[in-house]
C-alpha atoms as a PDB file:
ATOM      1  CA  MET A   1       0.000   0.000   0.000  1.00  0.00           C
ATOM      2  CA  ARG A   2       1.416   3.326  -1.061  1.00  0.00           C
ATOM      3  CA  LEU A   3       0.807   6.583   0.769  1.00  0.00           C
ATOM      4  CA  HIS A   4      -0.138   9.551  -1.285  1.00  0.00           C
ATOM      5  CA  PRO A   5       0.890  13.110  -0.379  1.00  0.00           C
ATOM      6  CA  GLU A   6      -2.780  13.995   0.136  1.00  0.00           C
ATOM      7  CA  ASP A   7      -3.079  11.274   2.799  1.00  0.00           C
ATOM      8  CA  SER A   8      -0.244  12.678   4.927  1.00  0.00           C
ATOM      9  CA  THR A   9      -1.677  16.213   4.660  1.00  0.00           C
ATOM     10  CA  LEU A  10      -5.074  14.944   5.762  1.00  0.00           C
ATOM     11  CA  ALA A  11      -3.493  13.047   8.657  1.00  0.00           C
ATOM     12  CA  ARG A  12      -1.635  16.164   9.805  1.00  0.00           C
ATOM     13  CA  LEU A  13      -4.835  18.200   9.581  1.00  0.00           C
ATOM     14  CA  VAL A  14      -6.733  15.617  11.659  1.00  0.00           C
ATOM     15  CA  LEU A  15      -3.953  15.605  14.284  1.00  0.00           C
ATOM     16  CA  ILE A  16      -3.915  19.403  14.515  1.00  0.00           C
ATOM     17  CA  VAL A  17      -7.707  19.644  14.813  1.00  0.00           C
ATOM     18  CA  GLY A  18      -7.699  16.921  17.499  1.00  0.00           C
ATOM     19  CA  PHE A  19      -4.944  18.664  19.429  1.00  0.00           C
ATOM     20  CA  VAL A  20      -6.695  22.063  19.333  1.00  0.00           C
ATOM     21  CA  THR A  21     -10.002  20.455  20.353  1.00  0.00           C
ATOM     22  CA  GLY A  22      -8.309  18.719  23.288  1.00  0.00           C
ATOM     23  CA  ILE A  23      -6.804  21.975  24.511  1.00  0.00           C
ATOM     24  CA  ALA A  24     -10.162  23.755  24.189  1.00  0.00           C
ATOM     25  CA  VAL A  25     -11.964  21.031  26.162  1.00  0.00           C
ATOM     26  CA  ALA A  26      -9.312  21.037  28.901  1.00  0.00           C
ATOM     27  CA  THR A  27      -9.535  24.829  29.192  1.00  0.00           C
ATOM     28  CA  LEU A  28     -13.334  24.727  29.468  1.00  0.00           C
ATOM     29  CA  ILE A  29     -13.214  22.041  32.159  1.00  0.00           C
ATOM     30  CA  MET A  30     -10.691  24.000  34.234  1.00  0.00           C
ATOM     31  CA  HIS A  31     -12.739  27.190  33.859  1.00  0.00           C
ATOM     32  CA  GLU A  32     -15.938  25.393  34.899  1.00  0.00           C
ATOM     33  CA  ARG A  33     -14.294  23.937  38.007  1.00  0.00           C
ATOM     34  CA  ALA A  34     -12.967  27.350  39.016  1.00  0.00           C
ATOM     35  CA  ALA A  35     -16.442  28.875  38.552  1.00  0.00           C
ATOM     36  CA  GLU A  36     -18.054  26.135  40.661  1.00  0.00           C
ATOM     37  CA  GLN A  37     -15.580  26.742  43.484  1.00  0.00           C
ATOM     38  CA  SER A  38     -16.247  30.474  43.312  1.00  0.00           C
ATOM     39  CA  ILE A  39     -20.019  29.964  43.438  1.00  0.00           C
ATOM     40  CA  GLU A  40     -19.717  27.521  46.350  1.00  0.00           C
ATOM     41  CA  GLY A  41     -17.635  30.059  48.271  1.00  0.00           C
ATOM     42  CA  GLU A  42     -20.133  32.854  47.645  1.00  0.00           C
ATOM     43  CA  LEU A  43     -23.031  30.608  48.619  1.00  0.00           C
ATOM     44  CA  ALA A  44     -21.334  29.557  51.842  1.00  0.00           C
ATOM     45  CA  ARG A  45     -20.803  33.201  52.819  1.00  0.00           C
ATOM     46  CA  SER A  46     -24.376  34.261  52.020  1.00  0.00           C
ATOM     47  CA  LEU A  47     -26.306  31.429  53.683  1.00  0.00           C
ATOM     48  CA  PRO A  48     -27.264  31.676  57.332  1.00  0.00           C
ATOM     49  CA  ALA A  49     -25.560  29.433  59.813  1.00  0.00           C
ATOM     50  CA  ALA A  50     -26.925  25.941  59.345  1.00  0.00           C
ATOM     51  CA  GLY A  51     -28.351  25.858  62.841  1.00  0.00           C
ATOM     52  CA  ASP A  52     -29.467  29.462  63.423  1.00  0.00           C
ATOM     53  CA  PRO A  53     -32.037  28.626  66.094  1.00  0.00           C
ATOM     54  CA  GLU A  54     -34.039  31.863  65.833  1.00  0.00           C
ATOM     55  CA  LEU A  55     -34.583  31.566  62.075  1.00  0.00           C
ATOM     56  CA  ILE A  56     -35.467  27.890  62.424  1.00  0.00           C
ATOM     57  CA  ARG A  57     -37.956  28.712  65.198  1.00  0.00           C
ATOM     58  CA  CYS A  58     -39.531  31.423  63.035  1.00  0.00           C
ATOM     59  CA  ARG A  59     -39.760  29.052  60.083  1.00  0.00           C
ATOM     60  CA  ASP A  60     -41.510  26.489  62.262  1.00  0.00           C
ATOM     61  CA  LEU A  61     -44.006  29.084  63.537  1.00  0.00           C
ATOM     62  CA  GLY A  62     -45.452  29.485  60.053  1.00  0.00           C
ATOM     63  CA  THR A  63     -47.746  32.477  59.501  1.00  0.00           C
ATOM     64  CA  ALA A  64     -47.721  33.344  63.214  1.00  0.00           C
ATOM     65  CA  ALA A  65     -44.088  34.421  62.768  1.00  0.00           C
ATOM     66  CA  ALA A  66     -45.253  37.504  60.846  1.00  0.00           C
ATOM     67  CA  GLU A  67     -46.494  38.964  64.143  1.00  0.00           C
ATOM     68  CA  ASP A  68     -43.618  37.758  66.329  1.00  0.00           C
ATOM     69  CA  GLU A  69     -41.269  40.654  67.187  1.00  0.00           C
ATOM     70  CA  SER A  70     -38.180  38.459  67.584  1.00  0.00           C
ATOM     71  CA  CYS A  71     -38.839  36.853  64.182  1.00  0.00           C
ATOM     72  CA  LEU A  72     -39.219  40.262  62.548  1.00  0.00           C
ATOM     73  CA  ALA A  73     -35.926  41.361  64.093  1.00  0.00           C
ATOM     74  CA  ALA A  74     -34.170  38.140  63.026  1.00  0.00           C
ATOM     75  CA  TRP A  75     -35.445  38.449  59.461  1.00  0.00           C
ATOM     76  CA  SER A  76     -34.433  42.100  59.323  1.00  0.00           C
ATOM     77  CA  GLU A  77     -30.922  41.230  60.474  1.00  0.00           C
ATOM     78  CA  GLU A  78     -30.728  38.348  57.997  1.00  0.00           C
ATOM     79  CA  GLN A  79     -31.821  40.615  55.124  1.00  0.00           C
ATOM     80  CA  ARG A  80     -29.298  43.258  56.179  1.00  0.00           C
ATOM     81  CA  ARG A  81     -26.525  40.669  56.246  1.00  0.00           C
ATOM     82  CA  PHE A  82     -27.591  39.052  52.958  1.00  0.00           C
ATOM     83  CA  PHE A  83     -27.949  42.288  50.994  1.00  0.00           C
ATOM     84  CA  GLY A  84     -24.969  43.897  52.726  1.00  0.00           C
ATOM     85  CA  THR A  85     -26.689  47.138  53.592  1.00  0.00           C
ATOM     86  CA  THR A  86     -27.104  49.085  56.791  1.00  0.00           C
ATOM     87  CA  GLN A  87     -29.884  51.277  55.449  1.00  0.00           C
ATOM     88  CA  THR A  88     -33.489  50.626  56.336  1.00  0.00           C
ATOM     89  CA  PRO A  89     -35.938  50.792  53.438  1.00  0.00           C
ATOM     90  CA  PRO A  90     -38.007  53.988  53.269  1.00  0.00           C
ATOM     91  CA  SER A  91     -41.556  53.775  54.506  1.00  0.00           C
ATOM     92  CA  VAL A  92     -44.111  53.634  51.744  1.00  0.00           C
ATOM     93  CA  PRO A  93     -47.422  55.423  52.268  1.00  0.00           C
ATOM     94  CA  PRO A  94     -50.546  53.337  51.701  1.00  0.00           C
ATOM     95  CA  ALA A  95     -51.682  53.312  48.076  1.00  0.00           C
ATOM     96  CA  LEU A  96     -55.392  52.848  48.732  1.00  0.00           C
ATOM     97  CA  PRO A  97     -57.681  55.399  50.397  1.00  0.00           C
ATOM     98  CA  PRO A  98     -59.051  54.440  53.801  1.00  0.00           C
ATOM     99  CA  ALA A  99     -62.365  52.609  53.828  1.00  0.00           C
ATOM    100  CA  GLY A 100     -65.295  54.987  53.502  1.00  0.00           C
ATOM    101  CA  GLY A 101     -63.095  57.915  52.474  1.00  0.00           C
ATOM    102  CA  THR A 102     -62.741  59.585  49.114  1.00  0.00           C
ATOM    103  CA  GLU A 103     -59.598  59.744  47.065  1.00  0.00           C
ATOM    104  CA  GLU A 104     -59.236  63.463  47.801  1.00  0.00           C
ATOM    105  CA  GLU A 105     -59.409  62.820  51.552  1.00  0.00           C
ATOM    106  CA  ALA A 106     -56.747  60.152  51.206  1.00  0.00           C
ATOM    107  CA  VAL A 107     -54.462  62.538  49.298  1.00  0.00           C
ATOM    108  CA  ASP A 108     -54.985  65.238  51.942  1.00  0.00           C
ATOM    109  CA  ALA A 109     -54.256  62.744  54.741  1.00  0.00           C
ATOM    110  CA  GLN A 110     -51.165  61.539  52.952  1.00  0.00           C
ATOM    111  CA  ALA A 111     -49.911  65.113  52.463  1.00  0.00           C
ATOM    112  CA  ALA A 112     -50.529  65.868  56.133  1.00  0.00           C
ATOM    113  CA  GLY A 113     -48.597  62.757  57.121  1.00  0.00           C
ATOM    114  CA  MET A 114     -45.624  63.758  54.975  1.00  0.00           C
ATOM    115  CA  GLU A 115     -45.592  67.253  56.444  1.00  0.00           C
ATOM    116  CA  ALA A 116     -45.473  65.745  59.927  1.00  0.00           C
ATOM    117  CA  GLN A 117     -42.329  63.782  59.040  1.00  0.00           C
END
């Protein structure tokens, strides 16, 4: 069996393409592993302690926790820590007029409340 010049050129081309593909795959795998480690580190820093007893107690209370002062304080602290802010959100005036009142009365009441602040 005789080799033709075209055969050796094709073989070289196949070897080069295989080599470049191998390098690309290895690079992608290393990049993916580095990204996973970065995400795991971020997640570990942002999650609450696995056994935070106050948050677990509030979770177990269900809807009653919405009226529990210690749960509200624990959630507020957890949100502050998670979002990394020390600012409290601004209070938002009610959007709907009080029952039995007109829209104009609600606007007047809202304006009076803002002047008091």
